[in-house]
PDB file of N, CA and C in Angstrom:
ATOM      1  N   MET A   1       0.827  -1.190   0.000  1.00  0.00           N
ATOM      2  CA  MET A   1       0.000   0.000   0.000  1.00  0.00           C
ATOM      3  C   MET A   1       0.874   1.257   0.000  1.00  0.00           C
ATOM      4  N   LEU A   2       2.002   1.194   0.681  1.00  0.00           N
ATOM      5  CA  LEU A   2       2.893   2.348   0.733  1.00  0.00           C
ATOM      6  C   LEU A   2       3.468   2.650  -0.652  1.00  0.00           C
ATOM      7  N   PHE A   3       3.761   1.587  -1.421  1.00  0.00           N
ATOM      8  CA  PHE A   3       4.260   1.800  -2.779  1.00  0.00           C
ATOM      9  C   PHE A   3       3.184   2.436  -3.655  1.00  0.00           C
ATOM     10  N   THR A   4       1.939   2.058  -3.455  1.00  0.00           N
ATOM     11  CA  THR A   4       0.835   2.645  -4.214  1.00  0.00           C
ATOM     12  C   THR A   4       0.727   4.133  -3.917  1.00  0.00           C
ATOM     13  N   ILE A   5       0.834   4.491  -2.646  1.00  0.00           N
ATOM     14  CA  ILE A   5       0.781   5.906  -2.274  1.00  0.00           C
ATOM     15  C   ILE A   5       1.947   6.664  -2.888  1.00  0.00           C
ATOM     16  N   ALA A   6       3.133   6.056  -2.879  1.00  0.00           N
ATOM     17  CA  ALA A   6       4.307   6.714  -3.459  1.00  0.00           C
ATOM     18  C   ALA A   6       4.126   6.921  -4.957  1.00  0.00           C
ATOM     19  N   ILE A   7       3.543   5.956  -5.650  1.00  0.00           N
ATOM     20  CA  ILE A   7       3.314   6.094  -7.092  1.00  0.00           C
ATOM     21  C   ILE A   7       2.291   7.188  -7.372  1.00  0.00           C
ATOM     22  N   ILE A   8       1.218   7.213  -6.583  1.00  0.00           N
ATOM     23  CA  ILE A   8       0.197   8.257  -6.763  1.00  0.00           C
ATOM     24  C   ILE A   8       0.800   9.635  -6.507  1.00  0.00           C
ATOM     25  N   LEU A   9       1.610   9.754  -5.450  1.00  0.00           N
ATOM     26  CA  LEU A   9       2.254  11.030  -5.170  1.00  0.00           C
ATOM     27  C   LEU A   9       3.219  11.435  -6.272  1.00  0.00           C
ATOM     28  N   LEU A  10       3.912  10.461  -6.854  1.00  0.00           N
ATOM     29  CA  LEU A  10       4.823  10.762  -7.949  1.00  0.00           C
ATOM     30  C   LEU A  10       4.066  11.314  -9.149  1.00  0.00           C
ATOM     31  N   ILE A  11       2.940  10.704  -9.484  1.00  0.00           N
ATOM     32  CA  ILE A  11       2.124  11.184 -10.605  1.00  0.00           C
ATOM     33  C   ILE A  11       1.595  12.585 -10.312  1.00  0.00           C
ATOM     34  N   LEU A  12       1.086  12.793  -9.088  1.00  0.00           N
ATOM     35  CA  LEU A  12       0.572  14.109  -8.726  1.00  0.00           C
ATOM     36  C   LEU A  12       1.680  15.157  -8.707  1.00  0.00           C
ATOM     37  N   TRP A  13       2.876  14.743  -8.302  1.00  0.00           N
ATOM     38  CA  TRP A  13       4.008  15.653  -8.280  1.00  0.00           C
ATOM     39  C   TRP A  13       4.362  16.111  -9.688  1.00  0.00           C
ATOM     40  N   LEU A  14       4.383  15.154 -10.628  1.00  0.00           N
ATOM     41  CA  LEU A  14       4.676  15.507 -12.016  1.00  0.00           C
ATOM     42  C   LEU A  14       3.588  16.413 -12.587  1.00  0.00           C
ATOM     43  N   LEU A  15       2.332  16.120 -12.275  1.00  0.00           N
ATOM     44  CA  LEU A  15       1.239  16.980 -12.722  1.00  0.00           C
ATOM     45  C   LEU A  15       1.340  18.360 -12.078  1.00  0.00           C
ATOM     46  N   GLY A  16       1.825  18.404 -10.854  1.00  0.00           N
ATOM     47  CA  GLY A  16       1.974  19.679 -10.167  1.00  0.00           C
ATOM     48  C   GLY A  16       2.934  20.606 -10.878  1.00  0.00           C
ATOM     49  N   PHE A  17       3.993  20.063 -11.435  1.00  0.00           N
ATOM     50  CA  PHE A  17       4.933  20.909 -12.170  1.00  0.00           C
ATOM     51  C   PHE A  17       4.344  21.402 -13.479  1.00  0.00           C
ATOM     52  N   LEU A  18       3.475  20.599 -14.075  1.00  0.00           N
ATOM     53  CA  LEU A  18       2.915  20.964 -15.367  1.00  0.00           C
ATOM     54  C   LEU A  18       1.655  21.817 -15.252  1.00  0.00           C
ATOM     55  N   VAL A  19       0.792  21.525 -14.273  1.00  0.00           N
ATOM     56  CA  VAL A  19      -0.516  22.167 -14.194  1.00  0.00           C
ATOM     57  C   VAL A  19      -0.594  23.181 -13.057  1.00  0.00           C
ATOM     58  N   PHE A  20      -0.178  22.770 -11.865  1.00  0.00           N
ATOM     59  CA  PHE A  20      -0.305  23.615 -10.684  1.00  0.00           C
ATOM     60  C   PHE A  20       1.064  23.827 -10.044  1.00  0.00           C
ATOM     61  N   PRO A  21       1.818  24.815 -10.491  1.00  0.00           N
ATOM     62  CA  PRO A  21       3.178  24.992  -9.966  1.00  0.00           C
ATOM     63  C   PRO A  21       3.227  25.238  -8.456  1.00  0.00           C
ATOM     64  N   VAL A  22       2.203  25.872  -7.886  1.00  0.00           N
ATOM     65  CA  VAL A  22       2.226  26.153  -6.447  1.00  0.00           C
ATOM     66  C   VAL A  22       2.064  24.867  -5.645  1.00  0.00           C
ATOM     67  N   ALA A  23       1.175  23.971  -6.080  1.00  0.00           N
ATOM     68  CA  ALA A  23       0.927  22.724  -5.363  1.00  0.00           C
ATOM     69  C   ALA A  23       2.065  21.726  -5.563  1.00  0.00           C
ATOM     70  N   GLY A  24       2.888  21.916  -6.569  1.00  0.00           N
ATOM     71  CA  GLY A  24       3.989  20.993  -6.844  1.00  0.00           C
ATOM     72  C   GLY A  24       4.958  20.887  -5.683  1.00  0.00           C
ATOM     73  N   GLY A  25       5.211  21.997  -4.995  1.00  0.00           N
ATOM     74  CA  GLY A  25       6.128  21.983  -3.863  1.00  0.00           C
ATOM     75  C   GLY A  25       5.605  21.142  -2.711  1.00  0.00           C
ATOM     76  N   LEU A  26       4.324  21.273  -2.410  1.00  0.00           N
ATOM     77  CA  LEU A  26       3.724  20.490  -1.328  1.00  0.00           C
ATOM     78  C   LEU A  26       3.730  19.010  -1.668  1.00  0.00           C
ATOM     79  N   ILE A  27       3.382  18.674  -2.888  1.00  0.00           N
ATOM     80  CA  ILE A  27       3.373  17.281  -3.306  1.00  0.00           C
ATOM     81  C   ILE A  27       4.792  16.725  -3.290  1.00  0.00           C
ATOM     82  N   HIS A  28       5.770  17.554  -3.640  1.00  0.00           N
ATOM     83  CA  HIS A  28       7.169  17.122  -3.605  1.00  0.00           C
ATOM     84  C   HIS A  28       7.577  16.760  -2.176  1.00  0.00           C
ATOM     85  N   ILE A  29       7.179  17.574  -1.221  1.00  0.00           N
ATOM     86  CA  ILE A  29       7.505  17.292   0.183  1.00  0.00           C
ATOM     87  C   ILE A  29       6.866  15.983   0.628  1.00  0.00           C
ATOM     88  N   LEU A  30       5.600  15.762   0.265  1.00  0.00           N
ATOM     89  CA  LEU A  30       4.919  14.518   0.634  1.00  0.00           C
ATOM     90  C   LEU A  30       5.587  13.309  -0.013  1.00  0.00           C
ATOM     91  N   LEU A  31       6.033  13.461  -1.260  1.00  0.00           N
ATOM     92  CA  LEU A  31       6.720  12.371  -1.951  1.00  0.00           C
ATOM     93  C   LEU A  31       8.031  12.030  -1.253  1.00  0.00           C
ATOM     94  N   VAL A  32       8.779  13.024  -0.852  1.00  0.00           N
ATOM     95  CA  VAL A  32      10.046  12.794  -0.164  1.00  0.00           C
ATOM     96  C   VAL A  32       9.799  12.089   1.173  1.00  0.00           C
ATOM     97  N   ILE A  33       8.751  12.490   1.892  1.00  0.00           N
ATOM     98  CA  ILE A  33       8.423  11.833   3.164  1.00  0.00           C
ATOM     99  C   ILE A  33       8.079  10.366   2.928  1.00  0.00           C
ATOM    100  N   ALA A  34       7.282  10.085   1.889  1.00  0.00           N
ATOM    101  CA  ALA A  34       6.917   8.696   1.587  1.00  0.00           C
ATOM    102  C   ALA A  34       8.152   7.876   1.239  1.00  0.00           C
ATOM    103  N   LEU A  35       9.077   8.436   0.480  1.00  0.00           N
ATOM    104  CA  LEU A  35      10.298   7.708   0.125  1.00  0.00           C
ATOM    105  C   LEU A  35      11.182   7.460   1.346  1.00  0.00           C
ATOM    106  N   ILE A  36      11.244   8.428   2.258  1.00  0.00           N
ATOM    107  CA  ILE A  36      12.024   8.246   3.478  1.00  0.00           C
ATOM    108  C   ILE A  36      11.444   7.102   4.305  1.00  0.00           C
ATOM    109  N   ILE A  37      10.109   7.030   4.380  1.00  0.00           N
ATOM    110  CA  ILE A  37       9.470   5.952   5.135  1.00  0.00           C
ATOM    111  C   ILE A  37       9.772   4.600   4.499  1.00  0.00           C
ATOM    112  N   ILE A  38       9.717   4.531   3.160  1.00  0.00           N
ATOM    113  CA  ILE A  38      10.014   3.270   2.471  1.00  0.00           C
ATOM    114  C   ILE A  38      11.449   2.835   2.737  1.00  0.00           C
ATOM    115  N   VAL A  39      12.392   3.739   2.627  1.00  0.00           N
ATOM    116  CA  VAL A  39      13.797   3.411   2.853  1.00  0.00           C
ATOM    117  C   VAL A  39      14.008   2.994   4.308  1.00  0.00           C
ATOM    118  N   TYR A  40      13.381   3.685   5.236  1.00  0.00           N
ATOM    119  CA  TYR A  40      13.516   3.341   6.659  1.00  0.00           C
ATOM    120  C   TYR A  40      13.015   1.928   6.922  1.00  0.00           C
ATOM    121  N   ARG A  41      11.880   1.579   6.346  1.00  0.00           N
ATOM    122  CA  ARG A  41      11.327   0.241   6.558  1.00  0.00           C
ATOM    123  C   ARG A  41      12.218  -0.827   5.922  1.00  0.00           C
ATOM    124  N   LEU A  42      12.811  -0.528   4.784  1.00  0.00           N
ATOM    125  CA  LEU A  42      13.705  -1.490   4.150  1.00  0.00           C
ATOM    126  C   LEU A  42      14.974  -1.680   4.974  1.00  0.00           C
ATOM    127  N   VAL A  43      15.512  -0.595   5.518  1.00  0.00           N
ATOM    128  CA  VAL A  43      16.743  -0.675   6.298  1.00  0.00           C
ATOM    129  C   VAL A  43      16.509  -1.386   7.623  1.00  0.00           C
ATOM    130  N   THR A  44      15.383  -1.128   8.272  1.00  0.00           N
ATOM    131  CA  THR A  44      15.120  -1.756   9.565  1.00  0.00           C
ATOM    132  C   THR A  44      14.599  -3.169   9.425  1.00  0.00           C
ATOM    133  N   GLY A  45      14.273  -3.598   8.206  1.00  0.00           N
ATOM    134  CA  GLY A  45      13.837  -4.956   7.993  1.00  0.00           C
ATOM    135  C   GLY A  45      12.350  -5.185   8.167  1.00  0.00           C
ATOM    136  N   GLN A  46      11.585  -4.117   8.310  1.00  0.00           N
ATOM    137  CA  GLN A  46      10.139  -4.258   8.418  1.00  0.00           C
ATOM    138  C   GLN A  46       9.563  -4.568   7.049  1.00  0.00           C
ATOM    139  N   LYS A  47       8.532  -5.375   7.017  1.00  0.00           N
ATOM    140  CA  LYS A  47       7.905  -5.739   5.748  1.00  0.00           C
ATOM    141  C   LYS A  47       7.086  -4.568   5.223  1.00  0.00           C
ATOM    142  N   VAL A  48       7.321  -4.211   3.962  1.00  0.00           N
ATOM    143  CA  VAL A  48       6.571  -3.133   3.324  1.00  0.00           C
ATOM    144  C   VAL A  48       5.392  -3.763   2.620  1.00  0.00           C
ATOM    145  N   THR A  49       4.183  -3.376   3.033  1.00  0.00           N
ATOM    146  CA  THR A  49       2.989  -3.949   2.417  1.00  0.00           C
ATOM    147  C   THR A  49       2.313  -2.960   1.519  1.00  0.00           C
TER     148      THR A  49
END
């Protein structure tokens, strides 16, 4: 589910640069947070579902 959220955020982030430049920054921050969580779970050995 976390990967699905990251993919959706990535798509919204790309759309943000093309359609809504102001919202692109917020979506970028959310995408970075999601990626940090994924990396943390991989490093600590928790299963990513």
